Amino acid sequence: MKTTIRDIMHRKDRIWVLLLSIIVLLPNIYFSVAGDNATGSIFRTIIFLLGGFFLFLTPFLLFKARTLFLIYGLFVCLSPFEIIHIYLNKTTISSGYILAILGTDWHESIEVLSAIKFFILCFLLIDVVYFYIVFAKIENTYLIRKIKTRFFYFLAAIFILFIGILSIYLSQKYYYIDEKEKDRLWTETTSSFKSKLCEIYPYNLILRTHEAILMGKDINSLSRELAHFTFSAKRNRQLNEKEVYVFVIGETARYGNFSINGYKRETSPLLSEIENVVSYSNVYSGANLTRLSLPIILTRVSAQNYDQYAKEKTFVDAFKEATFKTCWIANQSAENSFIQRIAMDADDNFLTVSNAETHAWDEQLWEAFDQILSREEEKVFIVLHTLGSHAQYNFRYPEAFEVFKPASLNNAFSYSFFSLKNKELLVNSYDNAILYTDYFLANTIKKLDSLNCNSYLMYVSDHGENLFDTEDNLSGHGGRIYSDYDFHVPFFVWYSDEYKNNYPEKVDAIIKNKDKKLSANNIFYSVLDMADIDFPGFIKEKSVASTALIEDSVRYVLTADIECKIFEE
């Protein structure tokens, strides 16, 4: 017997159900218009909205209409947070953002709410209308009343879910082309599926809240364990003048793709023109994954004792002990509990919620950076954590930086693009991202230089990237099979003229050490030594600013499986 619309829904309920559905799905509708998702094709936008509507309808197979709309009512009340987040960041809510909301005191909350009171009043009106319709117009019956019809809808849901996961799997398999990588494919597929689900309201709010709770527990655990840890850091010599030191964490940048390092393309013309910039030629990362390399950069641990990274603090904490005002400004890793702990313990933190799937440009960090520079503090240490040239490469820079063409990838990205046939596109878009990194670093240096104070900027990338350079055509990073391109990273030091006058011996050492065989293990000591910070057990022989620097005889790296290996060059 043919199913009619009357089998699915009572006629008098249809208009009310449609109106309630639109209210529940307002965040998805807004995201399709104003979010980063809006830069895609109309087809992708339609698929996104239909997918959200389909996921919204599926629970009606199990719940009666009024009951489920009351449950959805909770998410209607919370939807302003999602919409505000999309407005500010062009992407859906993150666990880091939720954690920040949970940690905000009432005074800060009232201040923020007062600034958007008209918006809040509008949503309060929408809430009133929503709950009036639910109680006055919706019968507490099943929308799909026939059991047989509900069963067929359930099968359709399973089929669509299968197709969705299969399409992601087929897309990811282009990236994991080596047989030894295949066992990671399912993990990456499920992770990618979860990230897609985290774009759809209200499922994303449930998943991100769960992540935020787990992350909060991790941060509290880290904070408790480190509560009594101290470096006993102090200055060797106090300068009676303003000091501003900046450390920039790069992302997925290759040493060889900067023209300042000899690359054939002009990818770093601005850095090449700035005085007092020293580029190190032989620095290698400690790991080829961000989550593994960051602790090696920020703490004293190496690939050989990596399991100790959570048992002591970072150079940011050492600066704070030495009476510097500390600030963490980040364009990524807001959901990394290790980074969150550092940022929360800093005097100021500005963590955006950008990720690899958004059009996030690092210059957005300058707003907070300029704010910090404009203050009257005399001793300041700032960390800028950038997205750099992370895939998707073409998402990392504004259109004005699309110099090497073709590179647009149709203003989209998929891991299916990681194929040898697209090498030209990938290299071009990657080099454009490096060109933008040059712009970001050069202008950050100019901001510092304009202060006419004792300052330096240090930049290092967390790891490198493969772009089909090897015999086995490796691409990306983080694989069990790796190459020199995974680990050889750019490392720049810039110092002001005032710094040179105050620390001539350190500047001489910085220049003389630029071609020595170094690794991420040197970063911790170099950052502190350049600021003339010392503590018991400090190893001068690991600082690039020391004439006593001893270069590496053997390089140890951490693989994606957290195995320590000797890196064979």
Protein backbone atom coordinates (compact mmCIF):
# COMPACT_ATOMS: atom_id res chain seq x y z
CA MET A 1 0.00 0.00 0.00
CA LYS A 2 1.39 3.43 -0.97
CA THR A 3 2.57 5.64 1.89
CA THR A 4 0.98 9.08 1.85
CA ILE A 5 1.94 12.25 3.68
CA ARG A 6 -0.92 11.51 6.12
CA ASP A 7 0.94 8.35 7.19
CA ILE A 8 3.93 10.44 8.14
CA MET A 9 2.29 13.42 9.81
CA HIS A 10 -1.13 14.67 10.79
CA ARG A 11 -2.13 17.58 8.52
CA LYS A 12 -2.74 20.12 11.30
CA ASP A 13 0.69 19.41 12.82
CA ARG A 14 2.77 19.88 9.69
CA ILE A 15 3.17 23.65 9.76
CA TRP A 16 4.01 23.64 13.48
CA VAL A 17 6.51 20.81 13.12
CA LEU A 18 8.18 22.64 10.23
CA LEU A 19 8.42 25.88 12.24
CA LEU A 20 9.84 24.08 15.29
CA SER A 21 12.34 22.27 13.07
CA ILE A 22 13.59 25.56 11.63
CA ILE A 23 14.02 27.00 15.14
CA VAL A 24 16.01 23.96 16.32
CA LEU A 25 18.18 24.03 13.21
CA LEU A 26 18.81 27.80 13.15
CA PRO A 27 22.53 27.32 13.98
CA ASN A 28 22.93 25.01 10.96
CA ILE A 29 21.12 27.47 8.70
CA TYR A 30 23.28 30.34 9.96
CA PHE A 31 26.47 28.29 9.59
CA SER A 32 25.61 27.49 5.96
CA VAL A 33 25.37 31.24 5.28
CA ALA A 34 27.96 32.86 7.56
CA GLY A 35 30.33 30.04 8.51
CA ASP A 36 33.47 28.80 6.85
CA ASN A 37 31.24 26.19 5.24
CA ALA A 38 29.66 28.99 3.18
CA THR A 39 32.76 29.25 0.98
CA GLY A 40 32.00 25.86 -0.55
CA SER A 41 29.69 25.04 -3.42
CA ILE A 42 25.91 25.31 -3.35
CA PHE A 43 25.78 21.53 -3.68
CA ARG A 44 27.87 21.07 -0.51
CA THR A 45 25.67 23.58 1.34
CA ILE A 46 22.52 21.71 0.34
CA ILE A 47 24.04 18.39 1.38
CA PHE A 48 25.04 19.92 4.71
CA LEU A 49 21.53 21.27 5.41
CA LEU A 50 19.85 18.03 4.31
CA GLY A 51 22.25 16.02 6.45
CA GLY A 52 21.44 18.17 9.46
CA PHE A 53 17.71 17.85 8.84
CA PHE A 54 18.01 14.08 8.40
CA LEU A 55 19.88 13.71 11.70
CA PHE A 56 17.32 15.96 13.34
CA LEU A 57 14.43 13.75 12.14
CA THR A 58 15.97 10.35 12.94
CA PRO A 59 15.24 10.42 16.72
CA PHE A 60 11.51 10.81 15.90
CA LEU A 61 11.61 7.11 15.03
CA LEU A 62 12.03 6.41 18.75
CA PHE A 63 10.40 9.38 20.53
CA LYS A 64 6.95 10.90 20.40
CA ALA A 65 6.79 14.39 18.93
CA ARG A 66 6.15 16.56 22.00
CA THR A 67 8.62 14.59 24.12
CA LEU A 68 11.42 14.99 21.58
CA PHE A 69 10.67 18.66 20.91
CA LEU A 70 10.94 19.28 24.65
CA ILE A 71 14.36 17.59 24.62
CA TYR A 72 15.33 19.70 21.60
CA GLY A 73 14.12 22.72 23.56
CA LEU A 74 17.26 22.54 25.71
CA PHE A 75 19.37 22.97 22.56
CA VAL A 76 17.14 25.83 21.39
CA CYS A 77 17.99 27.64 24.64
CA LEU A 78 21.71 26.95 24.09
CA SER A 79 21.79 27.79 20.38
CA PRO A 80 22.80 31.47 20.95
CA PHE A 81 26.22 30.21 22.11
CA GLU A 82 26.62 28.29 18.85
CA ILE A 83 25.49 31.21 16.70
CA ILE A 84 27.76 33.69 18.52
CA HIS A 85 30.66 31.28 18.05
CA ILE A 86 29.96 31.00 14.32
CA TYR A 87 29.69 34.78 14.06
CA LEU A 88 33.04 35.32 15.77
CA ASN A 89 35.03 32.38 14.41
CA LYS A 90 33.25 31.25 11.23
CA THR A 91 33.16 27.71 12.55
CA THR A 92 31.06 25.58 14.89
CA ILE A 93 31.56 25.41 18.62
CA SER A 94 34.67 23.74 20.01
CA SER A 95 35.41 21.93 23.24
CA GLY A 96 37.97 24.63 24.06
CA TYR A 97 35.26 27.29 23.75
CA ILE A 98 32.91 25.30 25.98
CA LEU A 99 35.69 24.88 28.52
CA ALA A 100 36.27 28.64 28.43
CA ILE A 101 32.54 29.27 29.03
CA LEU A 102 32.51 26.86 31.95
CA GLY A 103 35.56 28.61 33.42
CA THR A 104 34.25 32.15 32.98
CA ASP A 105 33.20 33.97 36.15
CA TRP A 106 29.84 35.71 36.50
CA HIS A 107 31.30 39.22 36.22
CA GLU A 108 32.82 38.40 32.82
CA SER A 109 29.62 36.65 31.71
CA ILE A 110 27.41 39.62 32.63
CA GLU A 111 29.80 41.98 30.81
CA VAL A 112 29.61 39.89 27.63
CA LEU A 113 25.85 39.39 27.83
CA SER A 114 25.23 43.10 28.31
CA ALA A 115 27.05 43.77 25.04
CA ILE A 116 24.67 41.48 23.13
CA LYS A 117 21.48 42.07 25.11
CA PHE A 118 19.36 42.76 22.00
CA PHE A 119 20.45 39.44 20.51
CA ILE A 120 19.64 37.65 23.79
CA LEU A 121 16.19 39.29 23.98
CA CYS A 122 15.41 38.09 20.45
CA PHE A 123 16.29 34.56 21.39
CA LEU A 124 14.27 34.72 24.58
CA LEU A 125 11.28 35.64 22.41
CA ILE A 126 12.05 32.70 20.10
CA ASP A 127 12.22 30.41 23.16
CA VAL A 128 8.79 31.58 24.32
CA VAL A 129 7.28 30.98 20.88
CA TYR A 130 8.96 27.58 20.63
CA PHE A 131 7.68 26.23 23.93
CA TYR A 132 4.21 27.69 23.35
CA ILE A 133 3.93 25.77 20.07
CA VAL A 134 5.26 22.57 21.68
CA PHE A 135 2.67 22.60 24.47
CA ALA A 136 -0.29 24.13 22.63
CA LYS A 137 -0.01 22.80 19.06
CA ILE A 138 1.90 19.50 19.08
CA GLU A 139 0.21 16.21 19.92
CA ASN A 140 2.30 13.72 21.83
CA THR A 141 2.13 11.07 19.12
CA TYR A 142 4.67 9.66 16.70
CA LEU A 143 5.29 11.79 13.62
CA ILE A 144 5.71 8.61 11.62
CA ARG A 145 2.85 6.55 12.91
CA LYS A 146 3.03 3.28 11.02
CA ILE A 147 5.57 0.84 12.47
CA LYS A 148 6.34 -0.49 9.00
CA THR A 149 7.11 2.98 7.70
CA ARG A 150 9.32 3.73 10.71
CA PHE A 151 11.23 0.51 10.04
CA PHE A 152 11.93 1.52 6.42
CA TYR A 153 13.08 4.97 7.58
CA PHE A 154 15.40 3.25 10.05
CA LEU A 155 16.93 1.15 7.26
CA ALA A 156 17.34 4.28 5.17
CA ALA A 157 19.18 5.95 8.07
CA ILE A 158 21.57 3.02 8.37
CA PHE A 159 22.18 3.04 4.61
CA ILE A 160 22.90 6.81 4.50
CA LEU A 161 25.24 6.47 7.49
CA PHE A 162 27.10 3.67 5.71
CA ILE A 163 27.42 5.71 2.51
CA GLY A 164 28.74 8.68 4.49
CA ILE A 165 31.43 6.64 6.26
CA LEU A 166 32.36 4.85 3.02
CA SER A 167 32.83 8.13 1.15
CA ILE A 168 35.15 9.41 3.90
CA TYR A 169 37.06 6.12 3.84
CA LEU A 170 37.55 6.30 0.09
CA SER A 171 38.67 9.92 0.38
CA GLN A 172 41.17 9.14 3.15
CA LYS A 173 42.67 6.12 1.36
CA TYR A 174 44.27 8.43 -1.20
CA TYR A 175 46.32 9.87 1.63
CA TYR A 176 47.41 6.54 3.09
CA ILE A 177 48.80 5.08 -0.08
CA ASP A 178 51.43 2.89 1.54
CA GLU A 179 50.38 -0.57 2.67
CA LYS A 180 52.04 -0.09 6.06
CA GLU A 181 49.75 2.87 6.68
CA LYS A 182 46.48 1.03 6.00
CA ASP A 183 45.94 0.04 9.63
CA ARG A 184 45.65 3.76 10.48
CA LEU A 185 43.02 4.30 7.83
CA TRP A 186 40.02 3.27 9.91
CA THR A 187 41.12 5.43 12.84
CA GLU A 188 41.45 8.45 10.56
CA THR A 189 38.11 7.65 8.89
CA THR A 190 36.21 7.57 12.19
CA SER A 191 38.00 10.73 13.33
CA SER A 192 37.04 12.50 10.10
CA PHE A 193 33.44 11.30 10.43
CA LYS A 194 33.31 12.67 13.95
CA SER A 195 34.66 16.03 12.73
CA LYS A 196 31.88 16.14 10.11
CA LEU A 197 29.30 15.33 12.78
CA CYS A 198 30.77 18.14 14.89
CA GLU A 199 29.60 20.63 12.27
CA ILE A 200 25.93 19.73 12.75
CA TYR A 201 23.89 21.19 15.58
CA PRO A 202 22.88 19.93 18.13
CA TYR A 203 25.03 16.78 17.83
CA ASN A 204 28.19 18.86 17.83
CA LEU A 205 27.24 20.43 21.17
CA ILE A 206 26.85 16.99 22.76
CA LEU A 207 30.16 15.69 21.39
CA ARG A 208 32.10 18.87 22.16
CA THR A 209 30.71 19.08 25.69
CA HIS A 210 31.85 15.52 26.32
CA GLU A 211 35.30 16.42 24.98
CA ALA A 212 35.38 19.55 27.16
CA ILE A 213 34.59 17.54 30.30
CA LEU A 214 37.37 15.04 29.53
CA MET A 215 39.79 17.86 28.67
CA GLY A 216 38.91 19.68 31.88
CA LYS A 217 39.77 16.56 33.87
CA ASP A 218 43.10 16.25 32.04
CA ILE A 219 43.95 19.91 32.70
CA ASN A 220 43.04 19.64 36.37
CA SER A 221 45.13 16.49 36.65
CA LEU A 222 48.11 18.20 35.00
CA SER A 223 47.71 21.29 37.18
CA ARG A 224 47.58 19.22 40.37
CA GLU A 225 50.65 17.23 39.40
CA LEU A 226 52.60 20.39 38.55
CA ALA A 227 51.30 22.54 41.41
CA HIS A 228 54.54 22.34 43.40
CA PHE A 229 56.95 22.21 40.46
CA THR A 230 59.36 25.10 40.09
CA PHE A 231 62.46 25.84 38.02
CA SER A 232 63.55 28.52 40.51
CA ALA A 233 64.19 30.62 37.41
CA LYS A 234 65.75 34.06 37.73
CA ARG A 235 67.47 36.73 35.64
CA ASN A 236 71.24 36.83 35.51
CA ARG A 237 71.04 40.57 34.96
CA GLN A 238 68.05 42.89 35.28
CA LEU A 239 67.73 45.47 32.51
CA ASN A 240 66.19 48.80 33.45
CA GLU A 241 64.30 49.06 30.18
CA LYS A 242 61.37 47.50 28.37
CA GLU A 243 61.84 43.89 27.23
CA VAL A 244 59.45 42.04 24.90
CA TYR A 245 60.34 38.54 23.74
CA VAL A 246 58.24 36.54 21.27
CA PHE A 247 58.27 32.86 20.41
CA VAL A 248 56.38 31.78 17.29
CA ILE A 249 55.40 28.14 16.79
CA GLY A 250 55.13 27.37 13.10
CA GLU A 251 53.08 24.58 11.59
CA THR A 252 54.04 22.09 8.86
CA ALA A 253 56.77 24.31 7.43
CA ARG A 254 59.66 22.81 5.45
CA TYR A 255 63.12 24.28 5.72
CA GLY A 256 63.72 24.00 1.99
CA ASN A 257 60.65 25.93 0.83
CA PHE A 258 61.83 29.32 2.12
CA SER A 259 63.77 31.38 -0.40
CA ILE A 260 65.86 32.76 2.47
CA ASN A 261 67.15 29.20 2.72
CA GLY A 262 67.94 28.91 -1.00
CA TYR A 263 64.57 27.86 -2.46
CA LYS A 264 64.19 28.68 -6.17
CA ARG A 265 60.90 30.56 -5.65
CA GLU A 266 60.62 33.91 -3.85
CA THR A 267 58.65 32.60 -0.90
CA SER A 268 60.29 34.72 1.82
CA PRO A 269 61.18 38.07 0.24
CA LEU A 270 60.23 40.09 3.32
CA LEU A 271 62.32 38.13 5.82
CA SER A 272 65.26 38.32 3.43
CA GLU A 273 65.18 42.13 3.63
CA ILE A 274 65.00 42.44 7.42
CA GLU A 275 68.22 43.11 9.28
CA ASN A 276 69.20 40.95 12.26
CA VAL A 277 67.38 37.85 10.98
CA VAL A 278 69.43 34.67 11.36
CA SER A 279 68.24 31.49 9.61
CA TYR A 280 69.55 28.19 10.96
CA SER A 281 70.33 25.61 8.31
CA ASN A 282 70.47 22.32 10.21
CA VAL A 283 67.62 22.12 12.75
CA TYR A 284 65.43 19.01 13.01
CA SER A 285 62.11 18.50 14.77
CA GLY A 286 61.76 15.87 17.47
CA ALA A 287 58.59 14.35 15.97
CA ASN A 288 56.51 14.54 12.81
CA LEU A 289 53.16 15.09 14.56
CA THR A 290 52.13 18.31 16.30
CA ARG A 291 50.85 16.67 19.47
CA LEU A 292 54.19 14.89 19.88
CA SER A 293 56.52 17.66 18.80
CA LEU A 294 55.07 20.45 20.96
CA PRO A 295 56.16 18.96 24.33
CA ILE A 296 59.69 18.47 22.93
CA ILE A 297 59.76 22.13 21.87
CA LEU A 298 58.23 23.59 25.02
CA THR A 299 59.80 21.44 27.75
CA ARG A 300 63.15 19.84 28.51
CA VAL A 301 62.08 16.37 27.32
CA SER A 302 63.44 14.73 24.19
CA ALA A 303 62.39 11.75 22.09
CA GLN A 304 64.42 9.60 24.50
CA ASN A 305 62.44 10.51 27.63
CA TYR A 306 59.20 11.73 26.09
CA ASP A 307 57.01 10.08 28.76
CA GLN A 308 58.27 12.69 31.25
CA TYR A 309 56.78 15.71 29.45
CA ALA A 310 53.76 16.03 31.77
CA LYS A 311 55.91 15.96 34.90
CA GLU A 312 57.46 19.39 34.61
CA LYS A 313 56.52 22.81 33.31
CA THR A 314 57.52 24.69 30.16
CA PHE A 315 59.68 27.68 29.33
CA VAL A 316 56.52 29.82 29.50
CA ASP A 317 56.27 28.95 33.19
CA ALA A 318 59.98 29.70 33.63
CA PHE A 319 59.46 33.19 32.19
CA LYS A 320 56.63 33.73 34.65
CA GLU A 321 58.89 32.67 37.54
CA ALA A 322 61.41 35.24 36.31
CA THR A 323 58.72 37.97 36.77
CA PHE A 324 57.76 38.32 33.09
CA LYS A 325 54.15 38.85 32.11
CA THR A 326 53.31 35.82 29.96
CA CYS A 327 50.79 35.53 27.15
CA TRP A 328 49.69 32.66 24.92
CA ILE A 329 48.01 33.67 21.65
CA ALA A 330 46.97 30.75 19.47
CA ASN A 331 45.32 30.00 16.18
CA GLN A 332 45.03 26.30 16.96
CA SER A 333 45.25 23.52 19.59
CA ALA A 334 42.49 24.99 21.75
CA GLU A 335 41.42 21.39 22.36
CA ASN A 336 44.85 20.13 23.38
CA SER A 337 44.88 19.71 27.17
CA PHE A 338 48.67 20.11 27.31
CA ILE A 339 48.41 23.47 25.53
CA GLN A 340 45.33 24.49 27.51
CA ARG A 341 47.19 23.97 30.78
CA ILE A 342 50.04 26.23 29.64
CA ALA A 343 47.68 28.88 28.29
CA MET A 344 45.50 28.92 31.40
CA ASP A 345 48.54 29.33 33.65
CA ALA A 346 49.83 32.24 31.57
CA ASP A 347 48.86 35.76 32.68
CA ASP A 348 46.82 36.21 29.49
CA ASN A 349 45.60 33.80 26.87
CA PHE A 350 43.77 34.27 23.61
CA LEU A 351 42.90 30.91 22.09
CA THR A 352 40.98 30.98 18.85
CA VAL A 353 39.17 27.87 17.74
CA SER A 354 40.53 27.54 14.25
CA ASN A 355 41.37 24.14 12.88
CA ALA A 356 42.74 22.60 9.73
CA GLU A 357 39.34 22.63 8.05
CA THR A 358 38.72 26.36 8.33
CA HIS A 359 39.96 29.37 6.37
CA ALA A 360 41.98 30.63 9.32
CA TRP A 361 44.66 33.23 8.68
CA ASP A 362 47.35 33.82 11.23
CA GLU A 363 47.07 37.60 11.05
CA GLN A 364 43.99 37.32 13.26
CA LEU A 365 46.49 36.80 16.10
CA TRP A 366 47.66 40.39 15.70
CA GLU A 367 44.59 41.86 17.40
CA ALA A 368 45.51 40.28 20.73
CA PHE A 369 49.22 40.75 20.02
CA ASP A 370 48.81 44.50 19.47
CA GLN A 371 46.72 44.72 22.61
CA ILE A 372 49.52 43.17 24.67
CA LEU A 373 52.19 45.35 23.06
CA SER A 374 50.22 48.51 23.85
CA ARG A 375 50.30 47.85 27.58
CA GLU A 376 52.73 49.45 30.00
CA GLU A 377 54.33 46.21 31.23
CA GLU A 378 58.12 46.35 31.15
CA LYS A 379 58.85 42.60 30.93
CA VAL A 380 56.69 40.59 28.53
CA PHE A 381 56.95 37.13 26.96
CA ILE A 382 54.48 36.17 24.21
CA VAL A 383 53.89 32.87 22.42
CA LEU A 384 52.16 32.96 19.01
CA HIS A 385 50.94 29.53 17.92
CA THR A 386 50.14 29.66 14.22
CA LEU A 387 48.42 27.41 11.68
CA GLY A 388 51.18 28.19 9.21
CA SER A 389 51.10 25.87 6.21
CA HIS A 390 49.00 23.08 7.67
CA ALA A 391 46.94 21.18 5.15
CA GLN A 392 44.60 22.35 3.80
CA TYR A 393 47.31 24.57 2.32
CA ASN A 394 44.95 26.68 0.22
CA PHE A 395 42.98 27.58 3.37
CA ARG A 396 46.02 29.19 5.01
CA TYR A 397 46.26 32.44 3.07
CA PRO A 398 44.09 35.24 1.61
CA GLU A 399 43.53 35.44 -2.13
CA ALA A 400 46.18 38.16 -2.50
CA PHE A 401 48.85 35.56 -1.66
CA GLU A 402 47.86 33.13 -4.41
CA VAL A 403 51.02 33.95 -6.37
CA PHE A 404 51.99 30.46 -7.51
CA LYS A 405 49.28 29.05 -9.74
CA PRO A 406 47.26 26.94 -10.32
CA ALA A 407 46.60 26.50 -6.62
CA SER A 408 42.94 27.12 -5.81
CA LEU A 409 41.80 23.47 -5.70
CA ASN A 410 38.35 24.93 -6.48
CA ASN A 411 38.46 26.69 -3.10
CA ALA A 412 37.99 23.33 -1.42
CA PHE A 413 40.10 20.55 -0.04
CA SER A 414 39.88 16.82 0.44
CA TYR A 415 42.51 14.25 1.28
CA SER A 416 41.74 12.78 -2.14
CA PHE A 417 43.80 15.73 -3.46
CA PHE A 418 46.87 14.05 -1.98
CA SER A 419 47.73 12.20 -5.17
CA LEU A 420 50.72 12.43 -7.45
CA LYS A 421 48.62 13.85 -10.27
CA ASN A 422 47.88 16.91 -8.11
CA LYS A 423 51.50 17.53 -7.10
CA GLU A 424 51.69 20.86 -8.94
CA LEU A 425 48.52 22.13 -7.25
CA LEU A 426 49.71 20.99 -3.84
CA VAL A 427 53.19 22.47 -4.17
CA ASN A 428 51.81 25.76 -5.46
CA SER A 429 49.27 26.11 -2.67
CA TYR A 430 51.89 25.05 -0.11
CA ASP A 431 54.37 27.65 -1.38
CA ASN A 432 51.66 30.31 -1.22
CA ALA A 433 51.15 29.36 2.43
CA ILE A 434 54.90 29.76 3.04
CA LEU A 435 54.74 33.16 1.31
CA TYR A 436 52.00 34.15 3.76
CA THR A 437 54.08 32.86 6.69
CA ASP A 438 56.85 35.19 5.49
CA TYR A 439 54.35 38.07 5.52
CA PHE A 440 53.13 37.16 9.00
CA LEU A 441 56.60 36.82 10.50
CA ALA A 442 58.01 39.95 8.82
CA ASN A 443 55.14 42.13 10.01
CA THR A 444 55.24 40.66 13.51
CA ILE A 445 58.93 41.58 13.63
CA LYS A 446 58.11 45.11 12.42
CA LYS A 447 55.58 45.49 15.23
CA LEU A 448 58.25 44.46 17.72
CA ASP A 449 60.91 46.65 16.16
CA SER A 450 58.64 49.70 16.34
CA LEU A 451 58.76 49.46 20.15
CA ASN A 452 62.47 50.41 20.07
CA CYS A 453 63.12 48.16 23.04
CA ASN A 454 65.14 45.11 23.99
CA SER A 455 63.40 42.36 22.04
CA TYR A 456 63.77 39.19 20.03
CA LEU A 457 61.57 36.88 18.00
CA MET A 458 62.27 33.18 17.63
CA TYR A 459 60.41 30.99 15.13
CA VAL A 460 60.48 27.24 14.64
CA SER A 461 58.08 24.88 12.90
CA ASP A 462 56.69 21.90 14.79
CA HIS A 463 57.51 19.54 11.91
CA GLY A 464 57.85 19.47 8.14
CA GLU A 465 55.86 17.99 5.26
CA ASN A 466 56.22 15.58 2.35
CA LEU A 467 55.16 16.74 -1.11
CA PHE A 468 55.88 13.72 -3.29
CA ASP A 469 59.62 14.39 -3.15
CA THR A 470 60.77 10.88 -2.28
CA GLU A 471 61.13 7.71 -4.34
CA ASP A 472 58.05 6.21 -2.69
CA ASN A 473 56.09 9.47 -3.21
CA LEU A 474 55.36 10.25 0.42
CA SER A 475 52.85 13.02 1.12
CA GLY A 476 51.77 14.82 4.28
CA HIS A 477 53.38 14.01 7.62
CA GLY A 478 52.96 11.83 10.69
CA GLY A 479 53.37 8.48 8.97
CA ARG A 480 55.34 5.51 10.15
CA ILE A 481 57.39 5.88 7.01
CA TYR A 482 59.09 9.26 7.10
CA SER A 483 61.74 11.25 5.32
CA ASP A 484 64.08 14.18 5.83
CA TYR A 485 61.21 16.46 4.81
CA ASP A 486 59.23 15.39 7.90
CA PHE A 487 61.89 16.68 10.29
CA HIS A 488 64.07 19.36 8.67
CA VAL A 489 62.39 22.58 9.81
CA PRO A 490 62.96 26.34 9.50
CA PHE A 491 64.35 28.05 12.57
CA PHE A 492 64.72 31.86 12.58
CA VAL A 493 66.00 34.26 15.20
CA TRP A 494 65.55 38.03 14.99
CA TYR A 495 66.92 40.49 17.54
CA SER A 496 66.50 44.24 17.90
CA ASP A 497 69.40 46.68 17.79
CA GLU A 498 68.78 47.36 21.48
CA TYR A 499 69.14 43.63 22.19
CA LYS A 500 72.41 43.57 20.26
CA ASN A 501 73.74 46.46 22.34
CA ASN A 502 72.81 44.77 25.60
CA TYR A 503 73.88 41.23 24.68
CA PRO A 504 76.65 41.43 22.08
CA GLU A 505 78.16 38.07 23.12
CA LYS A 506 74.82 36.30 22.73
CA VAL A 507 74.33 37.85 19.28
CA ASP A 508 77.81 36.73 18.20
CA ALA A 509 77.01 33.19 19.34
CA ILE A 510 73.61 33.22 17.60
CA ILE A 511 75.30 34.06 14.30
CA LYS A 512 78.24 31.66 14.71
CA ASN A 513 75.98 28.72 15.62
CA LYS A 514 73.59 29.03 12.68
CA ASP A 515 74.97 26.05 10.73
CA LYS A 516 75.49 23.64 13.61
CA LYS A 517 73.67 20.33 13.80
CA LEU A 518 70.74 21.08 16.13
CA SER A 519 67.30 19.79 17.08
CA ALA A 520 64.13 20.76 18.91
CA ASN A 521 65.94 19.83 22.14
CA ASN A 522 67.85 23.11 21.82
CA ILE A 523 64.74 25.29 21.76
CA PHE A 524 63.89 25.24 25.48
CA TYR A 525 67.34 26.39 26.57
CA SER A 526 67.76 28.87 23.71
CA VAL A 527 64.50 30.72 24.41
CA LEU A 528 65.43 31.22 28.07
CA ASP A 529 69.10 31.94 27.52
CA MET A 530 68.31 34.67 25.00
CA ALA A 531 66.27 36.35 27.75
CA ASP A 532 69.17 35.85 30.15
CA ILE A 533 67.08 33.55 32.36
CA ASP A 534 68.88 30.91 34.40
CA PHE A 535 67.98 28.18 36.87
CA PRO A 536 69.75 25.35 38.73
CA GLY A 537 70.59 22.63 36.22
CA PHE A 538 70.41 24.93 33.20
CA ILE A 539 72.48 23.50 30.32
CA LYS A 540 74.29 26.30 28.51
CA GLU A 541 75.68 23.82 26.01
CA LYS A 542 72.18 23.49 24.51
CA SER A 543 71.57 27.19 23.81
CA VAL A 544 72.15 28.77 20.42
CA ALA A 545 72.95 32.00 22.27
CA SER A 546 75.91 30.39 24.01
CA THR A 547 79.51 30.12 22.80
CA ALA A 548 79.56 26.79 24.66
CA LEU A 549 76.88 25.24 22.40
CA ILE A 550 77.58 21.59 21.55
CA GLU A 551 75.90 20.33 18.39
CA ASP A 552 74.08 16.98 18.19
CA SER A 553 76.19 13.93 17.41
CA VAL A 554 73.12 11.70 17.04
CA ARG A 555 69.57 12.78 16.31
CA TYR A 556 66.70 10.99 18.04
CA VAL A 557 63.16 11.37 16.76
CA LEU A 558 59.75 10.19 17.88
CA THR A 559 57.64 8.24 15.40
CA ALA A 560 53.84 8.40 15.14
CA ASP A 561 53.73 5.28 17.34
CA ILE A 562 55.70 7.15 20.05
CA GLU A 563 58.80 5.06 19.42
CA CYS A 564 62.22 6.66 19.83
CA LYS A 565 64.49 6.07 16.87
CA ILE A 566 67.82 7.31 15.62
CA PHE A 567 67.22 9.49 12.58
CA GLU A 568 69.37 8.38 9.68
CA GLU A 569 70.08 11.30 7.38
